[in-house]
Amino acid sequence: MTRQTKTGDPQTAHTVSVVTPGDGETIVLGTTRMRILEDGSHTGHRLAIAKSVLAPHTQGPPQHRHALHDEGFYILAGTVRFTVGDTDYDATPGTLVMVPPGTPHTFANPTDQPAVLLSTFTPDLYVQYFRDLQQVLTDGRPLTPQANIDAMSHYATEPATDHA
């Protein structure tokens, strides 16, 4: 249950969003389980935050570029392999990876253990992409690389074909 608390007088009221451990929207995309902690609705759409668990040997999306948002990844457990252009980085717990707009990237869990990461999207634009992918699965369609690319195209994101 997400709770909101108002403080201050009515003319300067501020709303605080509290997401408890059992709260948040859950999105399951194959071997990835994502919990949306903030979808942007409490931040004026400036920021969204999600916690994801990548099962062992989970492949990520096709390498891609975002035109309009920064994406951050903070590794909580396991190892996440980020591919940025032609370079691989293995990120372990305590590592923060920030991906600015225009940077080709993808990620995966190549290990035998689950990986857990906290992601930020600034602005919140990209949260709906994950909802769209979940809808592909709900509709009984396979989550193919092309389905990913089609969904990305709605959110100022394109494949990084020069680094495929």
C-alpha atoms as a PDB file:
ATOM      1  CA  MET A   1       0.000   0.000   0.000  1.00  0.00           C
ATOM      2  CA  THR A   2       1.400   3.366  -0.986  1.00  0.00           C
ATOM      3  CA  ARG A   3       0.643   6.024   1.575  1.00  0.00           C
ATOM      4  CA  GLN A   4       0.677   9.755   1.092  1.00  0.00           C
ATOM      5  CA  THR A   5       1.127  12.187   3.944  1.00  0.00           C
ATOM      6  CA  LYS A   6       0.454  15.910   3.655  1.00  0.00           C
ATOM      7  CA  THR A   7       2.420  18.431   5.667  1.00  0.00           C
ATOM      8  CA  GLY A   8       2.187  22.182   6.057  1.00  0.00           C
ATOM      9  CA  ASP A   9      -0.763  24.503   5.648  1.00  0.00           C
ATOM     10  CA  PRO A  10      -3.196  23.961   2.749  1.00  0.00           C
ATOM     11  CA  GLN A  11      -1.595  26.650   0.578  1.00  0.00           C
ATOM     12  CA  THR A  12       1.909  25.109   0.828  1.00  0.00           C
ATOM     13  CA  ALA A  13       0.997  21.454   1.396  1.00  0.00           C
ATOM     14  CA  HIS A  14       3.594  18.891   0.346  1.00  0.00           C
ATOM     15  CA  THR A  15       2.735  15.267  -0.249  1.00  0.00           C
ATOM     16  CA  VAL A  16       5.151  12.563   0.836  1.00  0.00           C
ATOM     17  CA  SER A  17       4.871   9.161  -0.820  1.00  0.00           C
ATOM     18  CA  VAL A  18       5.753   6.134   1.317  1.00  0.00           C
ATOM     19  CA  VAL A  19       6.078   2.762  -0.391  1.00  0.00           C
ATOM     20  CA  THR A  20       6.274  -0.071   2.119  1.00  0.00           C
ATOM     21  CA  PRO A  21       7.934  -3.462   1.410  1.00  0.00           C
ATOM     22  CA  GLY A  22       4.739  -5.074   0.088  1.00  0.00           C
ATOM     23  CA  ASP A  23       3.708  -2.086  -2.031  1.00  0.00           C
ATOM     24  CA  GLY A  24       4.365  -1.104  -5.598  1.00  0.00           C
ATOM     25  CA  GLU A  25       3.285  -2.347  -8.980  1.00  0.00           C
ATOM     26  CA  THR A  26       4.822  -5.667 -10.055  1.00  0.00           C
ATOM     27  CA  ILE A  27       5.757  -6.331 -13.670  1.00  0.00           C
ATOM     28  CA  VAL A  28       7.015  -9.762 -14.715  1.00  0.00           C
ATOM     29  CA  LEU A  29       8.864  -9.929 -18.031  1.00  0.00           C
ATOM     30  CA  GLY A  30      10.027 -13.484 -18.579  1.00  0.00           C
ATOM     31  CA  THR A  31      12.868 -14.092 -16.134  1.00  0.00           C
ATOM     32  CA  THR A  32      12.848 -10.504 -14.838  1.00  0.00           C
ATOM     33  CA  ARG A  33      10.618  -9.397 -11.976  1.00  0.00           C
ATOM     34  CA  MET A  34      10.286  -5.633 -11.587  1.00  0.00           C
ATOM     35  CA  ARG A  35       8.662  -3.709  -8.746  1.00  0.00           C
ATOM     36  CA  ILE A  36       7.797  -0.109  -9.610  1.00  0.00           C
ATOM     37  CA  LEU A  37       8.458   1.897  -6.454  1.00  0.00           C
ATOM     38  CA  GLU A  38       7.732   5.292  -8.015  1.00  0.00           C
ATOM     39  CA  ASP A  39       6.144   5.667 -11.428  1.00  0.00           C
ATOM     40  CA  GLY A  40       6.576   9.426 -11.571  1.00  0.00           C
ATOM     41  CA  SER A  41       3.099  10.258 -10.316  1.00  0.00           C
ATOM     42  CA  HIS A  42       4.504  11.610  -7.017  1.00  0.00           C
ATOM     43  CA  THR A  43       7.507  13.425  -8.501  1.00  0.00           C
ATOM     44  CA  GLY A  44       5.874  15.588 -11.134  1.00  0.00           C
ATOM     45  CA  HIS A  45       7.121  12.966 -13.619  1.00  0.00           C
ATOM     46  CA  ARG A  46      10.746  13.997 -12.992  1.00  0.00           C
ATOM     47  CA  LEU A  47      11.836  10.620 -11.594  1.00  0.00           C
ATOM     48  CA  ALA A  48      10.754   6.970 -11.537  1.00  0.00           C
ATOM     49  CA  ILE A  49      12.348   4.174  -9.508  1.00  0.00           C
ATOM     50  CA  ALA A  50      12.124   0.399  -9.870  1.00  0.00           C
ATOM     51  CA  LYS A  51      13.680  -2.612  -8.164  1.00  0.00           C
ATOM     52  CA  SER A  52      14.362  -5.556 -10.462  1.00  0.00           C
ATOM     53  CA  VAL A  53      15.428  -9.141  -9.926  1.00  0.00           C
ATOM     54  CA  LEU A  54      17.153 -10.751 -12.903  1.00  0.00           C
ATOM     55  CA  ALA A  55      17.127 -14.535 -12.756  1.00  0.00           C
ATOM     56  CA  PRO A  56      20.373 -16.368 -13.555  1.00  0.00           C
ATOM     57  CA  HIS A  57      21.325 -16.235 -17.245  1.00  0.00           C
ATOM     58  CA  THR A  58      18.813 -13.485 -18.055  1.00  0.00           C
ATOM     59  CA  GLN A  59      19.423 -11.721 -21.343  1.00  0.00           C
ATOM     60  CA  GLY A  60      18.612  -8.036 -21.427  1.00  0.00           C
ATOM     61  CA  PRO A  61      17.005  -5.932 -24.124  1.00  0.00           C
ATOM     62  CA  PRO A  62      18.686  -5.292 -27.463  1.00  0.00           C
ATOM     63  CA  GLN A  63      21.403  -2.647 -27.143  1.00  0.00           C
ATOM     64  CA  HIS A  64      19.654   0.716 -27.403  1.00  0.00           C
ATOM     65  CA  ARG A  65      19.834   4.495 -26.876  1.00  0.00           C
ATOM     66  CA  HIS A  66      17.417   6.739 -25.015  1.00  0.00           C
ATOM     67  CA  ALA A  67      17.002  10.222 -26.470  1.00  0.00           C
ATOM     68  CA  LEU A  68      15.098  11.829 -23.603  1.00  0.00           C
ATOM     69  CA  HIS A  69      16.017  10.241 -20.303  1.00  0.00           C
ATOM     70  CA  ASP A  70      18.887   9.248 -18.071  1.00  0.00           C
ATOM     71  CA  GLU A  71      18.861   5.743 -16.663  1.00  0.00           C
ATOM     72  CA  GLY A  72      20.612   4.735 -13.455  1.00  0.00           C
ATOM     73  CA  PHE A  73      21.315   1.262 -12.078  1.00  0.00           C
ATOM     74  CA  TYR A  74      22.480   0.554  -8.516  1.00  0.00           C
ATOM     75  CA  ILE A  75      23.462  -3.072  -7.964  1.00  0.00           C
ATOM     76  CA  LEU A  76      22.114  -4.505  -4.702  1.00  0.00           C
ATOM     77  CA  ALA A  77      23.035  -8.194  -5.166  1.00  0.00           C
ATOM     78  CA  GLY A  78      24.679 -10.445  -7.742  1.00  0.00           C
ATOM     79  CA  THR A  79      26.459  -9.323 -10.884  1.00  0.00           C
ATOM     80  CA  VAL A  80      24.960  -7.406 -13.801  1.00  0.00           C
ATOM     81  CA  ARG A  81      26.900  -7.185 -17.048  1.00  0.00           C
ATOM     82  CA  PHE A  82      26.470  -3.849 -18.791  1.00  0.00           C
ATOM     83  CA  THR A  83      27.459  -3.589 -22.420  1.00  0.00           C
ATOM     84  CA  VAL A  84      28.097   0.011 -23.417  1.00  0.00           C
ATOM     85  CA  GLY A  85      28.932   0.202 -27.083  1.00  0.00           C
ATOM     86  CA  ASP A  86      31.603  -2.463 -27.512  1.00  0.00           C
ATOM     87  CA  THR A  87      32.715  -2.564 -23.874  1.00  0.00           C
ATOM     88  CA  ASP A  88      31.461  -4.919 -21.143  1.00  0.00           C
ATOM     89  CA  TYR A  89      31.391  -3.937 -17.457  1.00  0.00           C
ATOM     90  CA  ASP A  90      30.565  -6.431 -14.704  1.00  0.00           C
ATOM     91  CA  ALA A  91      28.851  -4.473 -11.934  1.00  0.00           C
ATOM     92  CA  THR A  92      28.731  -5.980  -8.446  1.00  0.00           C
ATOM     93  CA  PRO A  93      26.897  -4.871  -5.269  1.00  0.00           C
ATOM     94  CA  GLY A  94      27.508  -1.244  -4.430  1.00  0.00           C
ATOM     95  CA  THR A  95      28.172  -0.257  -8.051  1.00  0.00           C
ATOM     96  CA  LEU A  96      26.223   2.609  -9.625  1.00  0.00           C
ATOM     97  CA  VAL A  97      25.960   2.796 -13.411  1.00  0.00           C
ATOM     98  CA  MET A  98      24.543   6.014 -14.908  1.00  0.00           C
ATOM     99  CA  VAL A  99      23.595   5.985 -18.584  1.00  0.00           C
ATOM    100  CA  PRO A 100      23.059   9.447 -20.119  1.00  0.00           C
ATOM    101  CA  PRO A 101      20.847  10.042 -23.156  1.00  0.00           C
ATOM    102  CA  GLY A 102      22.366   8.893 -26.432  1.00  0.00           C
ATOM    103  CA  THR A 103      24.633   6.230 -24.915  1.00  0.00           C
ATOM    104  CA  PRO A 104      24.274   2.736 -26.443  1.00  0.00           C
ATOM    105  CA  HIS A 105      23.751   0.160 -23.701  1.00  0.00           C
ATOM    106  CA  THR A 106      22.184  -3.076 -22.572  1.00  0.00           C
ATOM    107  CA  PHE A 107      22.510  -5.321 -19.534  1.00  0.00           C
ATOM    108  CA  ALA A 108      22.204  -8.983 -18.590  1.00  0.00           C
ATOM    109  CA  ASN A 109      22.818 -11.422 -15.767  1.00  0.00           C
ATOM    110  CA  PRO A 110      25.326 -13.957 -17.142  1.00  0.00           C
ATOM    111  CA  THR A 111      25.855 -15.697 -13.791  1.00  0.00           C
ATOM    112  CA  ASP A 112      24.331 -18.660 -11.960  1.00  0.00           C
ATOM    113  CA  GLN A 113      22.932 -16.395  -9.201  1.00  0.00           C
ATOM    114  CA  PRO A 114      20.041 -13.888  -9.247  1.00  0.00           C
ATOM    115  CA  ALA A 115      20.958 -10.213  -9.551  1.00  0.00           C
ATOM    116  CA  VAL A 116      19.033  -7.389  -7.874  1.00  0.00           C
ATOM    117  CA  LEU A 117      19.213  -3.779  -8.999  1.00  0.00           C
ATOM    118  CA  LEU A 118      17.547  -0.480  -8.278  1.00  0.00           C
ATOM    119  CA  SER A 119      16.873   1.581 -11.412  1.00  0.00           C
ATOM    120  CA  THR A 120      16.070   5.241 -11.895  1.00  0.00           C
ATOM    121  CA  PHE A 121      14.497   6.876 -14.936  1.00  0.00           C
ATOM    122  CA  THR A 122      14.803  10.656 -15.233  1.00  0.00           C
ATOM    123  CA  PRO A 123      12.250  11.727 -16.295  1.00  0.00           C
ATOM    124  CA  ASP A 124       9.770   8.899 -15.686  1.00  0.00           C
ATOM    125  CA  LEU A 125       9.052   8.384 -19.392  1.00  0.00           C
ATOM    126  CA  TYR A 126      10.325   4.807 -19.592  1.00  0.00           C
ATOM    127  CA  VAL A 127       8.134   3.147 -16.937  1.00  0.00           C
ATOM    128  CA  GLN A 128       5.315   2.819 -19.452  1.00  0.00           C
ATOM    129  CA  TYR A 129       7.667   0.861 -21.743  1.00  0.00           C
ATOM    130  CA  PHE A 130       7.798  -1.941 -19.161  1.00  0.00           C
ATOM    131  CA  ARG A 131       4.024  -1.885 -18.850  1.00  0.00           C
ATOM    132  CA  ASP A 132       3.779  -2.141 -22.633  1.00  0.00           C
ATOM    133  CA  LEU A 133       6.069  -5.182 -22.643  1.00  0.00           C
ATOM    134  CA  GLN A 134       3.965  -6.819 -19.960  1.00  0.00           C
ATOM    135  CA  GLN A 135       0.905  -6.213 -22.147  1.00  0.00           C
ATOM    136  CA  VAL A 136       2.633  -8.046 -25.021  1.00  0.00           C
ATOM    137  CA  LEU A 137       2.899 -11.103 -22.760  1.00  0.00           C
ATOM    138  CA  THR A 138      -0.646 -10.678 -21.407  1.00  0.00           C
ATOM    139  CA  ASP A 139      -1.905 -10.649 -25.001  1.00  0.00           C
ATOM    140  CA  GLY A 140      -0.190 -14.017 -25.537  1.00  0.00           C
ATOM    141  CA  ARG A 141       2.474 -12.697 -27.879  1.00  0.00           C
ATOM    142  CA  PRO A 142       6.160 -13.611 -27.480  1.00  0.00           C
ATOM    143  CA  LEU A 143       8.556 -11.054 -26.057  1.00  0.00           C
ATOM    144  CA  THR A 144      10.911 -11.017 -29.054  1.00  0.00           C
ATOM    145  CA  PRO A 145      13.714  -8.538 -29.763  1.00  0.00           C
ATOM    146  CA  GLN A 146      11.384  -6.941 -32.332  1.00  0.00           C
ATOM    147  CA  ALA A 147       8.615  -6.564 -29.714  1.00  0.00           C
ATOM    148  CA  ASN A 148      11.170  -4.796 -27.526  1.00  0.00           C
ATOM    149  CA  ILE A 149      12.212  -2.497 -30.358  1.00  0.00           C
ATOM    150  CA  ASP A 150       8.586  -1.713 -31.234  1.00  0.00           C
ATOM    151  CA  ALA A 151       7.807  -0.789 -27.618  1.00  0.00           C
ATOM    152  CA  MET A 152      11.000   1.282 -27.304  1.00  0.00           C
ATOM    153  CA  SER A 153      10.047   3.369 -30.328  1.00  0.00           C
ATOM    154  CA  HIS A 154       7.135   4.905 -28.373  1.00  0.00           C
ATOM    155  CA  TYR A 155       9.523   6.322 -25.753  1.00  0.00           C
ATOM    156  CA  ALA A 156      12.238   8.131 -27.723  1.00  0.00           C
ATOM    157  CA  THR A 157      14.423   5.024 -27.687  1.00  0.00           C
ATOM    158  CA  GLU A 158      15.983   3.238 -30.637  1.00  0.00           C
ATOM    159  CA  PRO A 159      18.186   0.201 -31.185  1.00  0.00           C
ATOM    160  CA  ALA A 160      21.912   0.881 -31.260  1.00  0.00           C
ATOM    161  CA  THR A 161      22.364  -1.038 -34.497  1.00  0.00           C
ATOM    162  CA  ASP A 162      25.963   0.151 -34.829  1.00  0.00           C
ATOM    163  CA  HIS A 163      26.698  -1.868 -31.652  1.00  0.00           C
ATOM    164  CA  ALA A 164      24.421  -4.889 -32.110  1.00  0.00           C
END
